[in-house]
Structures are given as C-alpha cells and as structure tokens.
C-alpha atoms as a PDB file:
ATOM      1  CA  MET A   1      34.612 -15.305  29.739  1.00  0.00           C
ATOM      2  CA  LYS A   2      31.357 -16.676  31.185  1.00  0.00           C
ATOM      3  CA  LYS A   3      29.940 -13.162  31.507  1.00  0.00           C
ATOM      4  CA  GLY A   4      30.785 -12.408  27.842  1.00  0.00           C
ATOM      5  CA  ILE A   5      28.975 -15.534  26.641  1.00  0.00           C
ATOM      6  CA  ILE A   6      25.902 -14.622  28.683  1.00  0.00           C
ATOM      7  CA  VAL A   7      25.900 -11.103  27.202  1.00  0.00           C
ATOM      8  CA  ILE A   8      26.263 -12.454  23.644  1.00  0.00           C
ATOM      9  CA  VAL A   9      23.452 -14.984  24.147  1.00  0.00           C
ATOM     10  CA  ALA A  10      21.221 -12.298  25.679  1.00  0.00           C
ATOM     11  CA  LEU A  11      21.873  -9.952  22.728  1.00  0.00           C
ATOM     12  CA  MET A  12      21.147 -12.720  20.249  1.00  0.00           C
ATOM     13  CA  VAL A  13      17.832 -13.454  21.983  1.00  0.00           C
ATOM     14  CA  VAL A  14      16.877  -9.768  21.954  1.00  0.00           C
ATOM     15  CA  PHE A  15      17.729  -9.356  18.264  1.00  0.00           C
ATOM     16  CA  CYS A  16      15.918 -12.561  17.296  1.00  0.00           C
ATOM     17  CA  LEU A  17      12.751 -11.621  19.200  1.00  0.00           C
ATOM     18  CA  ALA A  18      12.618  -7.999  18.060  1.00  0.00           C
ATOM     19  CA  SER A  19      10.137  -7.346  15.270  1.00  0.00           C
ATOM     20  CA  THR A  20      11.310  -5.757  12.081  1.00  0.00           C
ATOM     21  CA  CYS A  21      10.507  -2.063  11.885  1.00  0.00           C
ATOM     22  CA  TYR A  22      10.184  -0.607   8.405  1.00  0.00           C
ATOM     23  CA  ALA A  23      10.243   3.156   8.324  1.00  0.00           C
ATOM     24  CA  GLN A  24       8.868   5.186   5.455  1.00  0.00           C
ATOM     25  CA  ASP A  25      11.429   7.197   3.515  1.00  0.00           C
ATOM     26  CA  PRO A  26      11.588   9.362   0.359  1.00  0.00           C
ATOM     27  CA  GLY A  27      12.660   6.436  -1.825  1.00  0.00           C
ATOM     28  CA  LYS A  28       9.704   4.296  -0.764  1.00  0.00           C
ATOM     29  CA  LYS A  29       7.379   7.258  -1.305  1.00  0.00           C
ATOM     30  CA  LEU A  30       8.758   7.786  -4.832  1.00  0.00           C
ATOM     31  CA  LEU A  31       8.412   4.104  -5.739  1.00  0.00           C
ATOM     32  CA  ARG A  32       4.891   3.993  -4.299  1.00  0.00           C
ATOM     33  CA  GLY A  33       3.951   7.094  -6.291  1.00  0.00           C
ATOM     34  CA  LEU A  34       5.366   5.742  -9.546  1.00  0.00           C
ATOM     35  CA  ALA A  35       3.702   2.366  -8.992  1.00  0.00           C
ATOM     36  CA  ASN A  36       0.330   4.036  -8.438  1.00  0.00           C
ATOM     37  CA  VAL A  37       0.722   6.211 -11.547  1.00  0.00           C
ATOM     38  CA  VAL A  38       1.541   3.168 -13.668  1.00  0.00           C
ATOM     39  CA  THR A  39      -1.040   0.783 -12.163  1.00  0.00           C
ATOM     40  CA  GLY A  40      -3.846   3.224 -11.349  1.00  0.00           C
ATOM     41  CA  TRP A  41      -5.891   1.993 -14.321  1.00  0.00           C
ATOM     42  CA  VAL A  42      -6.031  -1.496 -12.762  1.00  0.00           C
ATOM     43  CA  GLU A  43      -8.614  -0.128 -10.301  1.00  0.00           C
ATOM     44  CA  LEU A  44     -11.210  -0.208 -13.099  1.00  0.00           C
ATOM     45  CA  PRO A  45     -11.312  -3.974 -13.817  1.00  0.00           C
ATOM     46  CA  LYS A  46     -10.521  -4.767 -10.165  1.00  0.00           C
ATOM     47  CA  ASN A  47     -13.571  -2.879  -8.882  1.00  0.00           C
ATOM     48  CA  ILE A  48     -15.830  -4.361 -11.572  1.00  0.00           C
ATOM     49  CA  TYR A  49     -14.667  -7.846 -10.586  1.00  0.00           C
ATOM     50  CA  ASP A  50     -14.922  -7.214  -6.824  1.00  0.00           C
ATOM     51  CA  GLN A  51     -18.445  -5.795  -7.130  1.00  0.00           C
ATOM     52  CA  SER A  52     -19.511  -8.683  -9.387  1.00  0.00           C
ATOM     53  CA  VAL A  53     -18.276 -11.199  -6.820  1.00  0.00           C
ATOM     54  CA  GLU A  54     -19.880  -9.344  -3.885  1.00  0.00           C
ATOM     55  CA  GLU A  55     -23.263  -8.711  -5.524  1.00  0.00           C
ATOM     56  CA  ASN A  56     -23.909  -9.823  -9.105  1.00  0.00           C
ATOM     57  CA  VAL A  57     -22.685  -9.188 -12.643  1.00  0.00           C
ATOM     58  CA  LEU A  58     -25.134  -6.363 -13.321  1.00  0.00           C
ATOM     59  CA  SER A  59     -24.002  -4.588 -10.157  1.00  0.00           C
ATOM     60  CA  GLY A  60     -20.394  -5.142 -11.201  1.00  0.00           C
ATOM     61  CA  LEU A  61     -20.998  -3.579 -14.602  1.00  0.00           C
ATOM     62  CA  THR A  62     -22.749  -0.531 -13.137  1.00  0.00           C
ATOM     63  CA  VAL A  63     -21.663   0.163  -9.552  1.00  0.00           C
ATOM     64  CA  GLY A  64     -18.281  -1.529 -10.018  1.00  0.00           C
ATOM     65  CA  LEU A  65     -17.655   0.490 -13.162  1.00  0.00           C
ATOM     66  CA  ALA A  66     -18.466   3.736 -11.336  1.00  0.00           C
ATOM     67  CA  LYS A  67     -16.257   2.792  -8.370  1.00  0.00           C
ATOM     68  CA  GLY A  68     -13.492   1.744 -10.745  1.00  0.00           C
ATOM     69  CA  VAL A  69     -13.522   5.011 -12.672  1.00  0.00           C
ATOM     70  CA  GLY A  70     -13.466   6.979  -9.431  1.00  0.00           C
ATOM     71  CA  MET A  71     -10.689   4.922  -7.863  1.00  0.00           C
ATOM     72  CA  THR A  72      -8.644   5.055 -11.069  1.00  0.00           C
ATOM     73  CA  ILE A  73      -8.689   8.840 -10.863  1.00  0.00           C
ATOM     74  CA  VAL A  74      -7.978   8.832  -7.118  1.00  0.00           C
ATOM     75  CA  ARG A  75      -5.121   6.288  -7.253  1.00  0.00           C
ATOM     76  CA  THR A  76      -3.453   7.887 -10.276  1.00  0.00           C
ATOM     77  CA  GLY A  77      -3.809  11.337  -8.700  1.00  0.00           C
ATOM     78  CA  ALA A  78      -2.343  10.107  -5.412  1.00  0.00           C
ATOM     79  CA  GLY A  79       0.525   8.577  -7.369  1.00  0.00           C
ATOM     80  CA  VAL A  80       1.245  11.850  -9.148  1.00  0.00           C
ATOM     81  CA  TYR A  81       1.076  13.722  -5.824  1.00  0.00           C
ATOM     82  CA  GLU A  82       3.468  11.290  -4.105  1.00  0.00           C
ATOM     83  CA  THR A  83       5.854  11.302  -7.063  1.00  0.00           C
ATOM     84  CA  VAL A  84       6.034  15.110  -7.121  1.00  0.00           C
ATOM     85  CA  THR A  85       6.312  15.524  -3.334  1.00  0.00           C
ATOM     86  CA  PHE A  86       8.589  12.554  -2.587  1.00  0.00           C
ATOM     87  CA  PRO A  87      11.488  14.660  -1.199  1.00  0.00           C
ATOM     88  CA  PHE A  88       9.244  16.201   1.470  1.00  0.00           C
ATOM     89  CA  PRO A  89       7.822  14.396   4.538  1.00  0.00           C
ATOM     90  CA  ILE A  90       4.236  15.304   3.632  1.00  0.00           C
ATOM     91  CA  PRO A  91       2.132  13.703   5.156  1.00  0.00           C
ATOM     92  CA  GLU A  92       4.159  13.243   8.308  1.00  0.00           C
ATOM     93  CA  ASP A  93       6.923  10.633   8.069  1.00  0.00           C
ATOM     94  CA  TYR A  94       6.229   9.957   4.359  1.00  0.00           C
ATOM     95  CA  ALA A  95       3.031   8.091   5.236  1.00  0.00           C
ATOM     96  CA  PRO A  96       0.928   6.866   2.295  1.00  0.00           C
ATOM     97  CA  VAL A  97      -1.787   9.205   1.057  1.00  0.00           C
ATOM     98  CA  LEU A  98      -4.052   6.335   0.067  1.00  0.00           C
ATOM     99  CA  GLU A  99      -4.864   3.032   1.768  1.00  0.00           C
ATOM    100  CA  PRO A 100      -4.089   0.397   0.670  1.00  0.00           C
ATOM    101  CA  GLU A 101      -0.752   1.693  -0.578  1.00  0.00           C
ATOM    102  CA  TYR A 102      -0.877  -0.288  -3.816  1.00  0.00           C
ATOM    103  CA  VAL A 103      -3.756  -1.466  -5.992  1.00  0.00           C
ATOM    104  CA  PHE A 104      -3.241  -5.124  -5.051  1.00  0.00           C
ATOM    105  CA  SER A 105      -2.359  -4.635  -1.354  1.00  0.00           C
ATOM    106  CA  GLY A 106      -4.804  -6.461   0.861  1.00  0.00           C
ATOM    107  CA  ASN A 107      -8.107  -7.970  -0.126  1.00  0.00           C
ATOM    108  CA  GLU A 108     -10.965  -5.489   0.033  1.00  0.00           C
ATOM    109  CA  SER A 109     -13.623  -7.847  -1.314  1.00  0.00           C
ATOM    110  CA  THR A 110     -15.711  -9.765   1.189  1.00  0.00           C
ATOM    111  CA  THR A 111     -16.911 -13.071  -0.187  1.00  0.00           C
END
C-alpha cells in the first residue's frame, strides 16, 4: 500500500512538472492557412502603424505602406499554400511557412 502511494505521488509530480508539448498537425496547418488567407490584408495597416511608431508618420506612410503591401502578398500567399498543402507534412512536421504564424502573433515593433 505504501509503495503504491509513493508511485502515485511520484507520477503526479512528474505530470505536474512536465511542460505541455504541442505538436503541429494537419488540422492546425489548415486553420493557420485559412486564418492567414482571411487576415492577410491586416498586414497593410499593421505595418503602416508599426513603422509610424518606430520612425515617424511620413516613414509610416511610405516605408510602412511598402512593407505592408509586400507582407500582405506574402502572408496571403503563405495562407493559400498552407491551405492547399495541409494534408502533407511539408515543411517537415507541418511547421509554419511564415513567422510569426499569425498576423498578430508576437510584437515585432520596437518602441
């Protein structure tokens, strides 16, 4: 009985201390692709805003606009690619094609 309690407590400690591992799978790849197709256009105002905050408004309206147009095309294209290829583990282990995975993941602006 005492040995069983020790084993149960040890297992509970191991499971509580273990970090959560989240593997990529086809479903996550499909959702990521669809999200990037739908929200790809958000890169445009986001990059204008980020550049305006980092530099100034004129830079935001010129450089930010150029970055935004480019990233809109890239993010939407990556979304289409991931949506079409979601059943296949390309790249390896269904890894994201683009970092950050979503338009609002992380904070790229340095203020």
